[in-house]
PDB file of N, CA and C in Angstrom:
ATOM      1  N   MET A   1     100.737  38.884  77.575  1.00  0.00           N
ATOM      2  CA  MET A   1     100.644  39.408  76.227  1.00  0.00           C
ATOM      3  C   MET A   1      99.690  38.504  75.453  1.00  0.00           C
ATOM      4  N   SER A   2      98.536  39.010  75.093  1.00  0.00           N
ATOM      5  CA  SER A   2      97.534  38.191  74.438  1.00  0.00           C
ATOM      6  C   SER A   2      97.567  38.314  72.921  1.00  0.00           C
ATOM      7  N   ARG A   3      98.070  39.426  72.393  1.00  0.00           N
ATOM      8  CA  ARG A   3      98.131  39.612  70.942  1.00  0.00           C
ATOM      9  C   ARG A   3      99.578  39.495  70.486  1.00  0.00           C
ATOM     10  N   LEU A   4      99.758  38.980  69.273  1.00  0.00           N
ATOM     11  CA  LEU A   4     101.109  38.876  68.727  1.00  0.00           C
ATOM     12  C   LEU A   4     101.308  39.840  67.565  1.00  0.00           C
ATOM     13  N   SER A   5     100.587  40.959  67.577  1.00  0.00           N
ATOM     14  CA  SER A   5     100.773  41.957  66.533  1.00  0.00           C
ATOM     15  C   SER A   5     102.102  42.677  66.763  1.00  0.00           C
ATOM     16  N   PRO A   6     102.665  43.266  65.702  1.00  0.00           N
ATOM     17  CA  PRO A   6     103.921  44.010  65.898  1.00  0.00           C
ATOM     18  C   PRO A   6     103.818  45.085  66.968  1.00  0.00           C
ATOM     19  N   ALA A   7     102.695  45.803  67.018  1.00  0.00           N
ATOM     20  CA  ALA A   7     102.552  46.856  68.026  1.00  0.00           C
ATOM     21  C   ALA A   7     102.534  46.272  69.428  1.00  0.00           C
ATOM     22  N   ALA A   8     101.888  45.133  69.615  1.00  0.00           N
ATOM     23  CA  ALA A   8     101.814  44.505  70.937  1.00  0.00           C
ATOM     24  C   ALA A   8     103.194  44.082  71.422  1.00  0.00           C
ATOM     25  N   LEU A   9     104.074  43.739  70.517  1.00  0.00           N
ATOM     26  CA  LEU A   9     105.423  43.322  70.905  1.00  0.00           C
ATOM     27  C   LEU A   9     106.232  44.474  71.488  1.00  0.00           C
ATOM     28  N   LEU A  10     105.806  45.700  71.211  1.00  0.00           N
ATOM     29  CA  LEU A  10     106.513  46.875  71.724  1.00  0.00           C
ATOM     30  C   LEU A  10     105.751  47.555  72.860  1.00  0.00           C
ATOM     31  N   GLU A  11     104.666  46.937  73.303  1.00  0.00           N
ATOM     32  CA  GLU A  11     103.871  47.481  74.412  1.00  0.00           C
ATOM     33  C   GLU A  11     104.333  46.874  75.736  1.00  0.00           C
ATOM     34  N   GLY A  12     104.000  47.559  76.803  1.00  0.00           N
ATOM     35  CA  GLY A  12     104.265  47.038  78.141  1.00  0.00           C
ATOM     36  C   GLY A  12     105.737  46.954  78.491  1.00  0.00           C
ATOM     37  N   LEU A  13     106.546  47.827  77.912  1.00  0.00           N
ATOM     38  CA  LEU A  13     107.979  47.803  78.212  1.00  0.00           C
ATOM     39  C   LEU A  13     108.216  48.476  79.563  1.00  0.00           C
ATOM     40  N   PRO A  14     108.972  47.831  80.434  1.00  0.00           N
ATOM     41  CA  PRO A  14     109.219  48.410  81.762  1.00  0.00           C
ATOM     42  C   PRO A  14     110.156  49.612  81.680  1.00  0.00           C
ATOM     43  N   SER A  15     110.033  50.517  82.618  1.00  0.00           N
ATOM     44  CA  SER A  15     110.948  51.659  82.662  1.00  0.00           C
ATOM     45  C   SER A  15     112.264  51.259  83.328  1.00  0.00           C
ATOM     46  N   HIS A  16     112.201  50.275  84.202  1.00  0.00           N
ATOM     47  CA  HIS A  16     113.382  49.788  84.922  1.00  0.00           C
ATOM     48  C   HIS A  16     113.578  48.314  84.568  1.00  0.00           C
ATOM     49  N   LEU A  17     114.766  47.944  84.184  1.00  0.00           N
ATOM     50  CA  LEU A  17     115.027  46.565  83.761  1.00  0.00           C
ATOM     51  C   LEU A  17     116.380  46.113  84.330  1.00  0.00           C
ATOM     52  N   PRO A  18     116.405  45.718  85.611  1.00  0.00           N
ATOM     53  CA  PRO A  18     117.681  45.350  86.226  1.00  0.00           C
ATOM     54  C   PRO A  18     118.292  44.072  85.641  1.00  0.00           C
ATOM     55  N   GLU A  19     117.449  43.183  85.123  1.00  0.00           N
ATOM     56  CA  GLU A  19     117.938  41.946  84.509  1.00  0.00           C
ATOM     57  C   GLU A  19     117.295  41.786  83.142  1.00  0.00           C
ATOM     58  N   GLU A  20     118.013  41.143  82.247  1.00  0.00           N
ATOM     59  CA  GLU A  20     117.441  40.836  80.944  1.00  0.00           C
ATOM     60  C   GLU A  20     116.188  39.984  81.146  1.00  0.00           C
ATOM     61  N   ARG A  21     115.150  40.242  80.366  1.00  0.00           N
ATOM     62  CA  ARG A  21     113.876  39.538  80.546  1.00  0.00           C
ATOM     63  C   ARG A  21     113.566  38.680  79.317  1.00  0.00           C
ATOM     64  N   PHE A  22     113.187  37.413  79.579  1.00  0.00           N
ATOM     65  CA  PHE A  22     112.803  36.457  78.548  1.00  0.00           C
ATOM     66  C   PHE A  22     111.337  36.103  78.754  1.00  0.00           C
ATOM     67  N   GLU A  23     110.495  36.373  77.754  1.00  0.00           N
ATOM     68  CA  GLU A  23     109.061  36.120  77.848  1.00  0.00           C
ATOM     69  C   GLU A  23     108.635  35.163  76.741  1.00  0.00           C
ATOM     70  N   THR A  24     108.122  34.009  77.119  1.00  0.00           N
ATOM     71  CA  THR A  24     107.632  33.057  76.115  1.00  0.00           C
ATOM     72  C   THR A  24     106.276  33.543  75.616  1.00  0.00           C
ATOM     73  N   LEU A  25     106.172  33.734  74.305  1.00  0.00           N
ATOM     74  CA  LEU A  25     104.939  34.200  73.687  1.00  0.00           C
ATOM     75  C   LEU A  25     104.095  33.046  73.164  1.00  0.00           C
ATOM     76  N   LEU A  26     104.772  32.018  72.656  1.00  0.00           N
ATOM     77  CA  LEU A  26     104.079  30.883  72.059  1.00  0.00           C
ATOM     78  C   LEU A  26     105.028  29.695  72.095  1.00  0.00           C
ATOM     79  N   GLU A  27     104.511  28.537  72.507  1.00  0.00           N
ATOM     80  CA  GLU A  27     105.370  27.360  72.604  1.00  0.00           C
ATOM     81  C   GLU A  27     104.589  26.119  72.178  1.00  0.00           C
ATOM     82  N   THR A  28     105.244  25.296  71.378  1.00  0.00           N
ATOM     83  CA  THR A  28     104.719  23.996  70.974  1.00  0.00           C
ATOM     84  C   THR A  28     105.862  23.000  71.144  1.00  0.00           C
ATOM     85  N   PRO A  29     105.628  21.696  70.929  1.00  0.00           N
ATOM     86  CA  PRO A  29     106.751  20.755  70.995  1.00  0.00           C
ATOM     87  C   PRO A  29     107.824  21.027  69.930  1.00  0.00           C
ATOM     88  N   ALA A  30     107.471  21.764  68.872  1.00  0.00           N
ATOM     89  CA  ALA A  30     108.410  21.990  67.772  1.00  0.00           C
ATOM     90  C   ALA A  30     109.188  23.308  67.874  1.00  0.00           C
ATOM     91  N   PHE A  31     108.650  24.302  68.598  1.00  0.00           N
ATOM     92  CA  PHE A  31     109.334  25.595  68.669  1.00  0.00           C
ATOM     93  C   PHE A  31     108.904  26.377  69.895  1.00  0.00           C
ATOM     94  N   ARG A  32     109.709  27.418  70.197  1.00  0.00           N
ATOM     95  CA  ARG A  32     109.373  28.383  71.248  1.00  0.00           C
ATOM     96  C   ARG A  32     109.649  29.769  70.686  1.00  0.00           C
ATOM     97  N   LEU A  33     108.683  30.670  70.817  1.00  0.00           N
ATOM     98  CA  LEU A  33     108.821  32.049  70.379  1.00  0.00           C
ATOM     99  C   LEU A  33     108.916  32.924  71.616  1.00  0.00           C
ATOM    100  N   GLU A  34     109.967  33.756  71.687  1.00  0.00           N
ATOM    101  CA  GLU A  34     110.200  34.595  72.863  1.00  0.00           C
ATOM    102  C   GLU A  34     110.341  36.061  72.476  1.00  0.00           C
ATOM    103  N   ARG A  35     109.951  36.916  73.407  1.00  0.00           N
ATOM    104  CA  ARG A  35     110.318  38.325  73.354  1.00  0.00           C
ATOM    105  C   ARG A  35     111.392  38.483  74.422  1.00  0.00           C
ATOM    106  N   ILE A  36     112.512  39.073  74.032  1.00  0.00           N
ATOM    107  CA  ILE A  36     113.622  39.294  74.957  1.00  0.00           C
ATOM    108  C   ILE A  36     113.818  40.801  75.091  1.00  0.00           C
ATOM    109  N   LEU A  37     113.918  41.276  76.325  1.00  0.00           N
ATOM    110  CA  LEU A  37     114.128  42.696  76.604  1.00  0.00           C
ATOM    111  C   LEU A  37     115.503  42.875  77.234  1.00  0.00           C
ATOM    112  N   SER A  38     116.294  43.762  76.660  1.00  0.00           N
ATOM    113  CA  SER A  38     117.638  44.057  77.159  1.00  0.00           C
ATOM    114  C   SER A  38     117.775  45.569  77.320  1.00  0.00           C
ATOM    115  N   LYS A  39     118.529  45.976  78.313  1.00  0.00           N
ATOM    116  CA  LYS A  39     118.823  47.403  78.511  1.00  0.00           C
ATOM    117  C   LYS A  39     120.199  47.490  79.145  1.00  0.00           C
ATOM    118  N   GLY A  40     121.209  47.607  78.292  1.00  0.00           N
ATOM    119  CA  GLY A  40     122.578  47.627  78.781  1.00  0.00           C
ATOM    120  C   GLY A  40     123.097  46.243  79.151  1.00  0.00           C
ATOM    121  N   HIS A  41     122.361  45.206  78.805  1.00  0.00           N
ATOM    122  CA  HIS A  41     122.764  43.848  79.156  1.00  0.00           C
ATOM    123  C   HIS A  41     123.663  43.247  78.078  1.00  0.00           C
ATOM    124  N   ALA A  42     124.535  42.371  78.510  1.00  0.00           N
ATOM    125  CA  ALA A  42     125.428  41.634  77.625  1.00  0.00           C
ATOM    126  C   ALA A  42     125.734  40.300  78.294  1.00  0.00           C
ATOM    127  N   THR A  43     126.155  39.346  77.511  1.00  0.00           N
ATOM    128  CA  THR A  43     126.574  38.059  78.057  1.00  0.00           C
ATOM    129  C   THR A  43     127.830  38.295  78.898  1.00  0.00           C
ATOM    130  N   PRO A  44     127.924  37.717  80.097  1.00  0.00           N
ATOM    131  CA  PRO A  44     129.120  37.927  80.927  1.00  0.00           C
ATOM    132  C   PRO A  44     130.405  37.558  80.181  1.00  0.00           C
ATOM    133  N   PRO A  45     131.485  38.291  80.443  1.00  0.00           N
ATOM    134  CA  PRO A  45     132.763  38.030  79.769  1.00  0.00           C
ATOM    135  C   PRO A  45     133.171  36.557  79.884  1.00  0.00           C
ATOM    136  N   GLY A  46     133.631  36.010  78.780  1.00  0.00           N
ATOM    137  CA  GLY A  46     134.103  34.629  78.757  1.00  0.00           C
ATOM    138  C   GLY A  46     133.009  33.584  78.621  1.00  0.00           C
ATOM    139  N   GLU A  47     131.740  33.987  78.716  1.00  0.00           N
ATOM    140  CA  GLU A  47     130.638  33.038  78.577  1.00  0.00           C
ATOM    141  C   GLU A  47     130.082  33.071  77.158  1.00  0.00           C
ATOM    142  N   TRP A  48     129.617  31.910  76.704  1.00  0.00           N
ATOM    143  CA  TRP A  48     129.031  31.765  75.364  1.00  0.00           C
ATOM    144  C   TRP A  48     127.756  30.955  75.472  1.00  0.00           C
ATOM    145  N   TYR A  49     126.779  31.291  74.634  1.00  0.00           N
ATOM    146  CA  TYR A  49     125.611  30.423  74.474  1.00  0.00           C
ATOM    147  C   TYR A  49     126.018  29.324  73.498  1.00  0.00           C
ATOM    148  N   ASP A  50     125.678  28.085  73.820  1.00  0.00           N
ATOM    149  CA  ASP A  50     125.930  26.931  72.951  1.00  0.00           C
ATOM    150  C   ASP A  50     124.704  26.036  73.085  1.00  0.00           C
ATOM    151  N   GLN A  51     123.720  26.292  72.257  1.00  0.00           N
ATOM    152  CA  GLN A  51     122.413  25.672  72.376  1.00  0.00           C
ATOM    153  C   GLN A  51     122.287  24.442  71.473  1.00  0.00           C
ATOM    154  N   ALA A  52     121.490  23.484  71.903  1.00  0.00           N
ATOM    155  CA  ALA A  52     121.264  22.257  71.136  1.00  0.00           C
ATOM    156  C   ALA A  52     120.179  22.453  70.071  1.00  0.00           C
ATOM    157  N   TRP A  53     119.676  23.670  69.918  1.00  0.00           N
ATOM    158  CA  TRP A  53     118.628  23.960  68.945  1.00  0.00           C
ATOM    159  C   TRP A  53     119.025  25.188  68.140  1.00  0.00           C
ATOM    160  N   ASP A  54     118.378  25.372  66.992  1.00  0.00           N
ATOM    161  CA  ASP A  54     118.582  26.550  66.158  1.00  0.00           C
ATOM    162  C   ASP A  54     117.843  27.733  66.785  1.00  0.00           C
ATOM    163  N   GLU A  55     118.332  28.926  66.486  1.00  0.00           N
ATOM    164  CA  GLU A  55     117.669  30.142  66.945  1.00  0.00           C
ATOM    165  C   GLU A  55     117.705  31.168  65.826  1.00  0.00           C
ATOM    166  N   TRP A  56     116.559  31.785  65.600  1.00  0.00           N
ATOM    167  CA  TRP A  56     116.442  32.895  64.658  1.00  0.00           C
ATOM    168  C   TRP A  56     116.043  34.096  65.488  1.00  0.00           C
ATOM    169  N   VAL A  57     116.805  35.178  65.382  1.00  0.00           N
ATOM    170  CA  VAL A  57     116.498  36.382  66.152  1.00  0.00           C
ATOM    171  C   VAL A  57     116.269  37.557  65.204  1.00  0.00           C
ATOM    172  N   MET A  58     115.336  38.419  65.597  1.00  0.00           N
ATOM    173  CA  MET A  58     115.103  39.668  64.878  1.00  0.00           C
ATOM    174  C   MET A  58     115.056  40.784  65.905  1.00  0.00           C
ATOM    175  N   LEU A  59     115.718  41.872  65.596  1.00  0.00           N
ATOM    176  CA  LEU A  59     115.688  43.029  66.474  1.00  0.00           C
ATOM    177  C   LEU A  59     114.497  43.901  66.080  1.00  0.00           C
ATOM    178  N   LEU A  60     113.616  44.159  67.032  1.00  0.00           N
ATOM    179  CA  LEU A  60     112.424  44.968  66.777  1.00  0.00           C
ATOM    180  C   LEU A  60     112.614  46.423  67.164  1.00  0.00           C
ATOM    181  N   GLN A  61     113.455  46.650  68.180  1.00  0.00           N
ATOM    182  CA  GLN A  61     113.688  48.007  68.689  1.00  0.00           C
ATOM    183  C   GLN A  61     115.054  48.031  69.346  1.00  0.00           C
ATOM    184  N   GLY A  62     115.723  49.171  69.255  1.00  0.00           N
ATOM    185  CA  GLY A  62     117.018  49.331  69.908  1.00  0.00           C
ATOM    186  C   GLY A  62     118.163  48.917  69.006  1.00  0.00           C
ATOM    187  N   GLU A  63     119.245  48.514  69.627  1.00  0.00           N
ATOM    188  CA  GLU A  63     120.450  48.096  68.918  1.00  0.00           C
ATOM    189  C   GLU A  63     121.115  46.983  69.704  1.00  0.00           C
ATOM    190  N   ALA A  64     121.977  46.239  69.033  1.00  0.00           N
ATOM    191  CA  ALA A  64     122.742  45.195  69.718  1.00  0.00           C
ATOM    192  C   ALA A  64     123.957  44.843  68.886  1.00  0.00           C
ATOM    193  N   LYS A  65     124.938  44.285  69.565  1.00  0.00           N
ATOM    194  CA  LYS A  65     126.098  43.689  68.891  1.00  0.00           C
ATOM    195  C   LYS A  65     126.159  42.242  69.338  1.00  0.00           C
ATOM    196  N   LEU A  66     126.200  41.349  68.365  1.00  0.00           N
ATOM    197  CA  LEU A  66     126.187  39.913  68.596  1.00  0.00           C
ATOM    198  C   LEU A  66     127.502  39.325  68.105  1.00  0.00           C
ATOM    199  N   ALA A  67     128.233  38.677  69.000  1.00  0.00           N
ATOM    200  CA  ALA A  67     129.487  38.018  68.628  1.00  0.00           C
ATOM    201  C   ALA A  67     129.186  36.555  68.325  1.00  0.00           C
ATOM    202  N   VAL A  68     129.776  36.063  67.248  1.00  0.00           N
ATOM    203  CA  VAL A  68     129.638  34.670  66.845  1.00  0.00           C
ATOM    204  C   VAL A  68     131.041  34.097  66.759  1.00  0.00           C
ATOM    205  N   GLU A  69     131.257  32.974  67.426  1.00  0.00           N
ATOM    206  CA  GLU A  69     132.581  32.353  67.423  1.00  0.00           C
ATOM    207  C   GLU A  69     133.034  32.110  65.987  1.00  0.00           C
ATOM    208  N   GLY A  70     134.294  32.469  65.712  1.00  0.00           N
ATOM    209  CA  GLY A  70     134.864  32.286  64.387  1.00  0.00           C
ATOM    210  C   GLY A  70     134.779  33.518  63.505  1.00  0.00           C
ATOM    211  N   ARG A  71     134.006  34.509  63.911  1.00  0.00           N
ATOM    212  CA  ARG A  71     133.932  35.776  63.172  1.00  0.00           C
ATOM    213  C   ARG A  71     134.843  36.785  63.847  1.00  0.00           C
ATOM    214  N   ASP A  72     135.537  37.553  63.054  1.00  0.00           N
ATOM    215  CA  ASP A  72     136.468  38.543  63.600  1.00  0.00           C
ATOM    216  C   ASP A  72     135.774  39.711  64.275  1.00  0.00           C
ATOM    217  N   GLU A  73     134.606  40.102  63.752  1.00  0.00           N
ATOM    218  CA  GLU A  73     133.916  41.273  64.289  1.00  0.00           C
ATOM    219  C   GLU A  73     132.507  40.911  64.734  1.00  0.00           C
ATOM    220  N   ALA A  74     132.018  41.633  65.731  1.00  0.00           N
ATOM    221  CA  ALA A  74     130.635  41.456  66.193  1.00  0.00           C
ATOM    222  C   ALA A  74     129.688  41.937  65.098  1.00  0.00           C
ATOM    223  N   ILE A  75     128.514  41.357  65.063  1.00  0.00           N
ATOM    224  CA  ILE A  75     127.483  41.719  64.102  1.00  0.00           C
ATOM    225  C   ILE A  75     126.628  42.806  64.724  1.00  0.00           C
ATOM    226  N   ALA A  76     126.567  43.962  64.093  1.00  0.00           N
ATOM    227  CA  ALA A  76     125.744  45.068  64.576  1.00  0.00           C
ATOM    228  C   ALA A  76     124.323  44.869  64.069  1.00  0.00           C
ATOM    229  N   LEU A  77     123.370  44.893  64.987  1.00  0.00           N
ATOM    230  CA  LEU A  77     121.965  44.716  64.632  1.00  0.00           C
ATOM    231  C   LEU A  77     121.185  45.981  64.946  1.00  0.00           C
ATOM    232  N   LYS A  78     120.268  46.325  64.048  1.00  0.00           N
ATOM    233  CA  LYS A  78     119.349  47.445  64.247  1.00  0.00           C
ATOM    234  C   LYS A  78     117.942  46.942  63.935  1.00  0.00           C
ATOM    235  N   PRO A  79     116.900  47.706  64.232  1.00  0.00           N
ATOM    236  CA  PRO A  79     115.541  47.220  64.013  1.00  0.00           C
ATOM    237  C   PRO A  79     115.326  46.693  62.587  1.00  0.00           C
ATOM    238  N   GLY A  80     114.734  45.518  62.520  1.00  0.00           N
ATOM    239  CA  GLY A  80     114.462  44.862  61.244  1.00  0.00           C
ATOM    240  C   GLY A  80     115.514  43.848  60.843  1.00  0.00           C
ATOM    241  N   ASP A  81     116.700  43.904  61.473  1.00  0.00           N
ATOM    242  CA  ASP A  81     117.753  42.937  61.163  1.00  0.00           C
ATOM    243  C   ASP A  81     117.442  41.605  61.822  1.00  0.00           C
ATOM    244  N   ALA A  82     117.721  40.525  61.089  1.00  0.00           N
ATOM    245  CA  ALA A  82     117.501  39.174  61.613  1.00  0.00           C
ATOM    246  C   ALA A  82     118.751  38.348  61.364  1.00  0.00           C
ATOM    247  N   PHE A  83     118.939  37.333  62.207  1.00  0.00           N
ATOM    248  CA  PHE A  83     120.119  36.479  62.096  1.00  0.00           C
ATOM    249  C   PHE A  83     119.755  35.083  62.572  1.00  0.00           C
ATOM    250  N   ARG A  84     120.218  34.058  61.845  1.00  0.00           N
ATOM    251  CA  ARG A  84     119.975  32.665  62.233  1.00  0.00           C
ATOM    252  C   ARG A  84     121.245  32.084  62.842  1.00  0.00           C
ATOM    253  N   LEU A  85     121.070  31.460  63.991  1.00  0.00           N
ATOM    254  CA  LEU A  85     122.171  30.805  64.697  1.00  0.00           C
ATOM    255  C   LEU A  85     121.886  29.306  64.702  1.00  0.00           C
ATOM    256  N   PRO A  86     122.634  28.524  63.929  1.00  0.00           N
ATOM    257  CA  PRO A  86     122.402  27.073  63.931  1.00  0.00           C
ATOM    258  C   PRO A  86     122.724  26.464  65.297  1.00  0.00           C
ATOM    259  N   ALA A  87     122.198  25.293  65.544  1.00  0.00           N
ATOM    260  CA  ALA A  87     122.493  24.578  66.785  1.00  0.00           C
ATOM    261  C   ALA A  87     124.008  24.520  66.996  1.00  0.00           C
ATOM    262  N   HIS A  88     124.435  24.739  68.213  1.00  0.00           N
ATOM    263  CA  HIS A  88     125.834  24.696  68.654  1.00  0.00           C
ATOM    264  C   HIS A  88     126.721  25.766  68.025  1.00  0.00           C
ATOM    265  N   CYS A  89     126.105  26.802  67.475  1.00  0.00           N
ATOM    266  CA  CYS A  89     126.866  27.970  67.023  1.00  0.00           C
ATOM    267  C   CYS A  89     127.080  28.830  68.264  1.00  0.00           C
ATOM    268  N   ARG A  90     128.303  28.852  68.748  1.00  0.00           N
ATOM    269  CA  ARG A  90     128.590  29.597  69.974  1.00  0.00           C
ATOM    270  C   ARG A  90     128.478  31.092  69.690  1.00  0.00           C
ATOM    271  N   HIS A  91     127.693  31.764  70.552  1.00  0.00           N
ATOM    272  CA  HIS A  91     127.444  33.192  70.357  1.00  0.00           C
ATOM    273  C   HIS A  91     127.227  33.875  71.703  1.00  0.00           C
ATOM    274  N   ARG A  92     127.310  35.195  71.668  1.00  0.00           N
ATOM    275  CA  ARG A  92     127.131  35.981  72.876  1.00  0.00           C
ATOM    276  C   ARG A  92     126.665  37.387  72.498  1.00  0.00           C
ATOM    277  N   VAL A  93     125.930  38.001  73.383  1.00  0.00           N
ATOM    278  CA  VAL A  93     125.540  39.399  73.195  1.00  0.00           C
ATOM    279  C   VAL A  93     126.680  40.248  73.745  1.00  0.00           C
ATOM    280  N   GLU A  94     127.275  41.046  72.879  1.00  0.00           N
ATOM    281  CA  GLU A  94     128.411  41.893  73.274  1.00  0.00           C
ATOM    282  C   GLU A  94     127.948  43.208  73.883  1.00  0.00           C
ATOM    283  N   TRP A  95     126.794  43.735  73.399  1.00  0.00           N
ATOM    284  CA  TRP A  95     126.397  45.071  73.828  1.00  0.00           C
ATOM    285  C   TRP A  95     124.947  45.332  73.474  1.00  0.00           C
ATOM    286  N   THR A  96     124.232  46.010  74.364  1.00  0.00           N
ATOM    287  CA  THR A  96     122.953  46.659  74.079  1.00  0.00           C
ATOM    288  C   THR A  96     123.015  48.020  74.757  1.00  0.00           C
ATOM    289  N   PRO A  97     122.345  49.034  74.221  1.00  0.00           N
ATOM    290  CA  PRO A  97     122.466  50.378  74.793  1.00  0.00           C
ATOM    291  C   PRO A  97     121.886  50.456  76.208  1.00  0.00           C
ATOM    292  N   PRO A  98     122.575  51.149  77.100  1.00  0.00           N
ATOM    293  CA  PRO A  98     122.112  51.238  78.488  1.00  0.00           C
ATOM    294  C   PRO A  98     120.993  52.250  78.711  1.00  0.00           C
ATOM    295  N   ASP A  99     120.729  53.103  77.715  1.00  0.00           N
ATOM    296  CA  ASP A  99     119.758  54.184  77.905  1.00  0.00           C
ATOM    297  C   ASP A  99     118.375  53.900  77.325  1.00  0.00           C
ATOM    298  N   ARG A 100     118.192  52.737  76.676  1.00  0.00           N
ATOM    299  CA  ARG A 100     116.879  52.390  76.125  1.00  0.00           C
ATOM    300  C   ARG A 100     116.758  50.882  75.990  1.00  0.00           C
ATOM    301  N   ILE A 101     115.527  50.416  75.917  1.00  0.00           N
ATOM    302  CA  ILE A 101     115.286  48.974  75.859  1.00  0.00           C
ATOM    303  C   ILE A 101     115.435  48.465  74.430  1.00  0.00           C
ATOM    304  N   THR A 102     116.149  47.379  74.301  1.00  0.00           N
ATOM    305  CA  THR A 102     116.263  46.650  73.040  1.00  0.00           C
ATOM    306  C   THR A 102     115.276  45.495  73.110  1.00  0.00           C
ATOM    307  N   VAL A 103     114.471  45.347  72.056  1.00  0.00           N
ATOM    308  CA  VAL A 103     113.457  44.296  71.999  1.00  0.00           C
ATOM    309  C   VAL A 103     113.847  43.311  70.897  1.00  0.00           C
ATOM    310  N   TRP A 104     114.005  42.071  71.306  1.00  0.00           N
ATOM    311  CA  TRP A 104     114.343  40.977  70.394  1.00  0.00           C
ATOM    312  C   TRP A 104     113.122  40.075  70.226  1.00  0.00           C
ATOM    313  N   LEU A 105     112.984  39.476  69.065  1.00  0.00           N
ATOM    314  CA  LEU A 105     112.043  38.394  68.844  1.00  0.00           C
ATOM    315  C   LEU A 105     112.906  37.185  68.522  1.00  0.00           C
ATOM    316  N   ALA A 106     112.774  36.118  69.303  1.00  0.00           N
ATOM    317  CA  ALA A 106     113.628  34.936  69.131  1.00  0.00           C
ATOM    318  C   ALA A 106     112.763  33.707  68.913  1.00  0.00           C
ATOM    319  N   LEU A 107     113.086  32.979  67.865  1.00  0.00           N
ATOM    320  CA  LEU A 107     112.404  31.732  67.549  1.00  0.00           C
ATOM    321  C   LEU A 107     113.413  30.602  67.736  1.00  0.00           C
ATOM    322  N   HIS A 108     113.120  29.711  68.677  1.00  0.00           N
ATOM    323  CA  HIS A 108     113.969  28.551  68.957  1.00  0.00           C
ATOM    324  C   HIS A 108     113.292  27.341  68.326  1.00  0.00           C
ATOM    325  N   PHE A 109     114.036  26.579  67.538  1.00  0.00           N
ATOM    326  CA  PHE A 109     113.431  25.445  66.848  1.00  0.00           C
ATOM    327  C   PHE A 109     114.489  24.402  66.510  1.00  0.00           C
ATOM    328  N   SER A 110     114.031  23.195  66.269  1.00  0.00           N
ATOM    329  CA  SER A 110     114.921  22.119  65.854  1.00  0.00           C
ATOM    330  C   SER A 110     114.088  20.963  65.339  1.00  0.00           C
ATOM    331  N   SER A 111     114.589  20.329  64.322  1.00  0.00           N
ATOM    332  CA  SER A 111     113.909  19.138  63.820  1.00  0.00           C
ATOM    333  C   SER A 111     114.415  17.885  64.528  1.00  0.00           C
ATOM    334  N   GLU A 112     115.492  18.019  65.307  1.00  0.00           N
ATOM    335  CA  GLU A 112     116.095  16.849  65.930  1.00  0.00           C
ATOM    336  C   GLU A 112     115.969  16.820  67.450  1.00  0.00           C
ATOM    337  N   THR A 113     116.037  17.972  68.102  1.00  0.00           N
ATOM    338  CA  THR A 113     116.045  18.018  69.555  1.00  0.00           C
ATOM    339  C   THR A 113     114.822  18.777  70.047  1.00  0.00           C
ATOM    340  N   PRO A 114     113.962  18.162  70.868  1.00  0.00           N
ATOM    341  CA  PRO A 114     112.815  18.904  71.400  1.00  0.00           C
ATOM    342  C   PRO A 114     113.272  20.085  72.245  1.00  0.00           C
ATOM    343  N   ILE A 115     112.558  21.161  72.160  1.00  0.00           N
ATOM    344  CA  ILE A 115     112.854  22.354  72.952  1.00  0.00           C
ATOM    345  C   ILE A 115     112.363  22.113  74.378  1.00  0.00           C
ATOM    346  N   GLN A 116     113.211  22.391  75.336  1.00  0.00           N
ATOM    347  CA  GLN A 116     112.850  22.224  76.748  1.00  0.00           C
ATOM    348  C   GLN A 116     112.301  23.543  77.262  1.00  0.00           C
ATOM    349  N   PRO A 117     111.171  23.524  77.954  1.00  0.00           N
ATOM    350  CA  PRO A 117     110.622  24.761  78.514  1.00  0.00           C
ATOM    351  C   PRO A 117     111.609  25.408  79.481  1.00  0.00           C
ATOM    352  N   THR A 118     111.566  26.738  79.524  1.00  0.00           N
ATOM    353  CA  THR A 118     112.446  27.473  80.443  1.00  0.00           C
ATOM    354  C   THR A 118     111.705  27.852  81.698  1.00  0.00           C
TER     355      THR A 118
END
């Protein structure tokens, strides 16, 4: 992906997506910007993300439900919705639709902990 225009972020979507896909678009020592593609994917039951860095996510296409530890209900996301997850905020993807691709834009950053390449 050579362009970071909004249209380019929705181009090149696969028709078949057996596993969730993480694509690094831009990375520096201070941050990593990713496009994440999901199609019926969710975090495995009982597992939580607990990252040493902050994450800001925006949904560009599709839908998702994001569970955050300490909240009674999952957060429903639709295109244009964004959410910030501070470092060590335990969270998980509860649901993405199985019939279409959900496109996330994720910015990983921290002023204290360098981001490790994936």
